[in-house]
Amino acid sequence: MKMLASLVALLGLGLFTVGCSPEDQLQNAQEDFAEEREETGEAVGGAVTDGMITADESETIAEEEAEDVQAAGEVLQQEGELLEEKADN
């Protein structure tokens, strides 16, 4: 369910950034990536505070890490698009 929510959020981001400049899209992607990394850090920190990681916590951490990868991919895509635009101009 969380993965579906992530995909919907990414789709929403794509629709939101259509009218933005490539620089703005890159900045938005970088901010989203930073937020995802922070959420992953919180999930990991919360899971290890008691010294044991439960199966549910492990699954949550894996989901957060997958979201990190998706957000990093978005940053790379936006960087590529920005480079293409600069090369065309």
C-alpha atoms as a PDB file:
ATOM      1  CA  MET A   1       0.000   0.000   0.000  1.00  0.00           C
ATOM      2  CA  LYS A   2       2.819   2.390   0.846  1.00  0.00           C
ATOM      3  CA  MET A   3       4.480   1.659  -2.501  1.00  0.00           C
ATOM      4  CA  LEU A   4       1.257   2.628  -4.297  1.00  0.00           C
ATOM      5  CA  ALA A   5       1.142   5.859  -2.320  1.00  0.00           C
ATOM      6  CA  SER A   6       4.747   6.548  -3.311  1.00  0.00           C
ATOM      7  CA  LEU A   7       3.994   6.001  -6.973  1.00  0.00           C
ATOM      8  CA  VAL A   8       0.966   8.276  -6.770  1.00  0.00           C
ATOM      9  CA  ALA A   9       3.093  10.923  -5.069  1.00  0.00           C
ATOM     10  CA  LEU A  10       5.750  10.689  -7.780  1.00  0.00           C
ATOM     11  CA  LEU A  11       3.059  10.966 -10.432  1.00  0.00           C
ATOM     12  CA  GLY A  12       1.709  14.010  -8.651  1.00  0.00           C
ATOM     13  CA  LEU A  13       5.186  15.501  -8.571  1.00  0.00           C
ATOM     14  CA  GLY A  14       5.526  14.912 -12.291  1.00  0.00           C
ATOM     15  CA  LEU A  15       2.253  16.658 -12.967  1.00  0.00           C
ATOM     16  CA  PHE A  16       3.178  19.511 -10.662  1.00  0.00           C
ATOM     17  CA  THR A  17       6.600  20.121 -12.186  1.00  0.00           C
ATOM     18  CA  VAL A  18       5.488  20.153 -15.834  1.00  0.00           C
ATOM     19  CA  GLY A  19       5.273  23.959 -15.859  1.00  0.00           C
ATOM     20  CA  CYS A  20       8.504  24.475 -13.911  1.00  0.00           C
ATOM     21  CA  SER A  21      11.917  25.215 -15.348  1.00  0.00           C
ATOM     22  CA  PRO A  22      14.442  22.370 -15.426  1.00  0.00           C
ATOM     23  CA  GLU A  23      16.347  24.082 -12.613  1.00  0.00           C
ATOM     24  CA  ASP A  24      13.196  24.185 -10.481  1.00  0.00           C
ATOM     25  CA  GLN A  25      12.426  20.556 -11.280  1.00  0.00           C
ATOM     26  CA  LEU A  26      15.943  19.560 -10.239  1.00  0.00           C
ATOM     27  CA  GLN A  27      15.683  21.542  -7.021  1.00  0.00           C
ATOM     28  CA  ASN A  28      12.313  19.937  -6.238  1.00  0.00           C
ATOM     29  CA  ALA A  29      13.755  16.478  -6.883  1.00  0.00           C
ATOM     30  CA  GLN A  30      16.740  17.227  -4.641  1.00  0.00           C
ATOM     31  CA  GLU A  31      14.468  18.439  -1.855  1.00  0.00           C
ATOM     32  CA  ASP A  32      12.304  15.326  -2.174  1.00  0.00           C
ATOM     33  CA  PHE A  33      15.406  13.142  -2.005  1.00  0.00           C
ATOM     34  CA  ALA A  34      16.591  14.930   1.146  1.00  0.00           C
ATOM     35  CA  GLU A  35      13.164  14.408   2.730  1.00  0.00           C
ATOM     36  CA  GLU A  36      13.212  10.714   1.830  1.00  0.00           C
ATOM     37  CA  ARG A  37      16.690  10.291   3.335  1.00  0.00           C
ATOM     38  CA  GLU A  38      15.486  11.974   6.521  1.00  0.00           C
ATOM     39  CA  GLU A  39      12.460   9.662   6.719  1.00  0.00           C
ATOM     40  CA  THR A  40      14.731   6.647   6.235  1.00  0.00           C
ATOM     41  CA  GLY A  41      17.010   7.894   8.999  1.00  0.00           C
ATOM     42  CA  GLU A  42      14.038   8.267  11.309  1.00  0.00           C
ATOM     43  CA  ALA A  43      12.806   4.760  10.482  1.00  0.00           C
ATOM     44  CA  VAL A  44      16.236   3.247  11.099  1.00  0.00           C
ATOM     45  CA  GLY A  45      16.778   5.261  14.268  1.00  0.00           C
ATOM     46  CA  GLY A  46      13.392   4.298  15.642  1.00  0.00           C
ATOM     47  CA  ALA A  47      13.971   0.653  14.849  1.00  0.00           C
ATOM     48  CA  VAL A  48      17.361   0.362  16.524  1.00  0.00           C
ATOM     49  CA  THR A  49      16.603   2.298  19.707  1.00  0.00           C
ATOM     50  CA  ASP A  50      15.649  -0.845  21.578  1.00  0.00           C
ATOM     51  CA  GLY A  51      18.440  -2.921  20.059  1.00  0.00           C
ATOM     52  CA  MET A  52      16.159  -5.260  18.118  1.00  0.00           C
ATOM     53  CA  ILE A  53      14.642  -4.819  14.700  1.00  0.00           C
ATOM     54  CA  THR A  54      11.294  -6.522  14.249  1.00  0.00           C
ATOM     55  CA  ALA A  55      10.065  -7.928  10.950  1.00  0.00           C
ATOM     56  CA  ASP A  56       7.665  -4.992  10.571  1.00  0.00           C
ATOM     57  CA  GLU A  57      10.453  -2.496  11.223  1.00  0.00           C
ATOM     58  CA  SER A  58      12.673  -4.294   8.741  1.00  0.00           C
ATOM     59  CA  GLU A  59       9.940  -4.072   6.116  1.00  0.00           C
ATOM     60  CA  THR A  60       9.434  -0.375   6.834  1.00  0.00           C
ATOM     61  CA  ILE A  61      13.161   0.267   6.491  1.00  0.00           C
ATOM     62  CA  ALA A  62      13.247  -1.604   3.173  1.00  0.00           C
ATOM     63  CA  GLU A  63      10.308   0.441   1.893  1.00  0.00           C
ATOM     64  CA  GLU A  64      11.969   3.685   2.967  1.00  0.00           C
ATOM     65  CA  GLU A  65      15.202   2.656   1.259  1.00  0.00           C
ATOM     66  CA  ALA A  66      13.263   1.864  -1.922  1.00  0.00           C
ATOM     67  CA  GLU A  67      11.745   5.338  -1.786  1.00  0.00           C
ATOM     68  CA  ASP A  68      15.275   6.756  -1.414  1.00  0.00           C
ATOM     69  CA  VAL A  69      16.302   4.964  -4.596  1.00  0.00           C
ATOM     70  CA  GLN A  70      13.244   6.271  -6.450  1.00  0.00           C
ATOM     71  CA  ALA A  71      13.939   9.817  -5.296  1.00  0.00           C
ATOM     72  CA  ALA A  72      17.609   9.510  -6.278  1.00  0.00           C
ATOM     73  CA  GLY A  73      16.522   8.316  -9.715  1.00  0.00           C
ATOM     74  CA  GLU A  74      14.301  11.360 -10.050  1.00  0.00           C
ATOM     75  CA  VAL A  75      17.256  13.613  -9.191  1.00  0.00           C
ATOM     76  CA  LEU A  76      19.379  11.913 -11.843  1.00  0.00           C
ATOM     77  CA  GLN A  77      16.607  12.213 -14.416  1.00  0.00           C
ATOM     78  CA  GLN A  78      16.174  15.911 -13.699  1.00  0.00           C
ATOM     79  CA  GLU A  79      19.925  16.483 -13.871  1.00  0.00           C
ATOM     80  CA  GLY A  80      19.973  14.776 -17.266  1.00  0.00           C
ATOM     81  CA  GLU A  81      17.113  16.877 -18.545  1.00  0.00           C
ATOM     82  CA  LEU A  82      18.818  20.046 -17.342  1.00  0.00           C
ATOM     83  CA  LEU A  83      22.058  19.045 -19.075  1.00  0.00           C
ATOM     84  CA  GLU A  84      20.164  18.276 -22.283  1.00  0.00           C
ATOM     85  CA  GLU A  85      18.484  21.672 -22.219  1.00  0.00           C
ATOM     86  CA  LYS A  86      21.787  23.447 -21.642  1.00  0.00           C
ATOM     87  CA  ALA A  87      23.400  21.482 -24.454  1.00  0.00           C
ATOM     88  CA  ASP A  88      20.559  22.412 -26.814  1.00  0.00           C
ATOM     89  CA  ASN A  89      20.909  26.118 -26.029  1.00  0.00           C
END
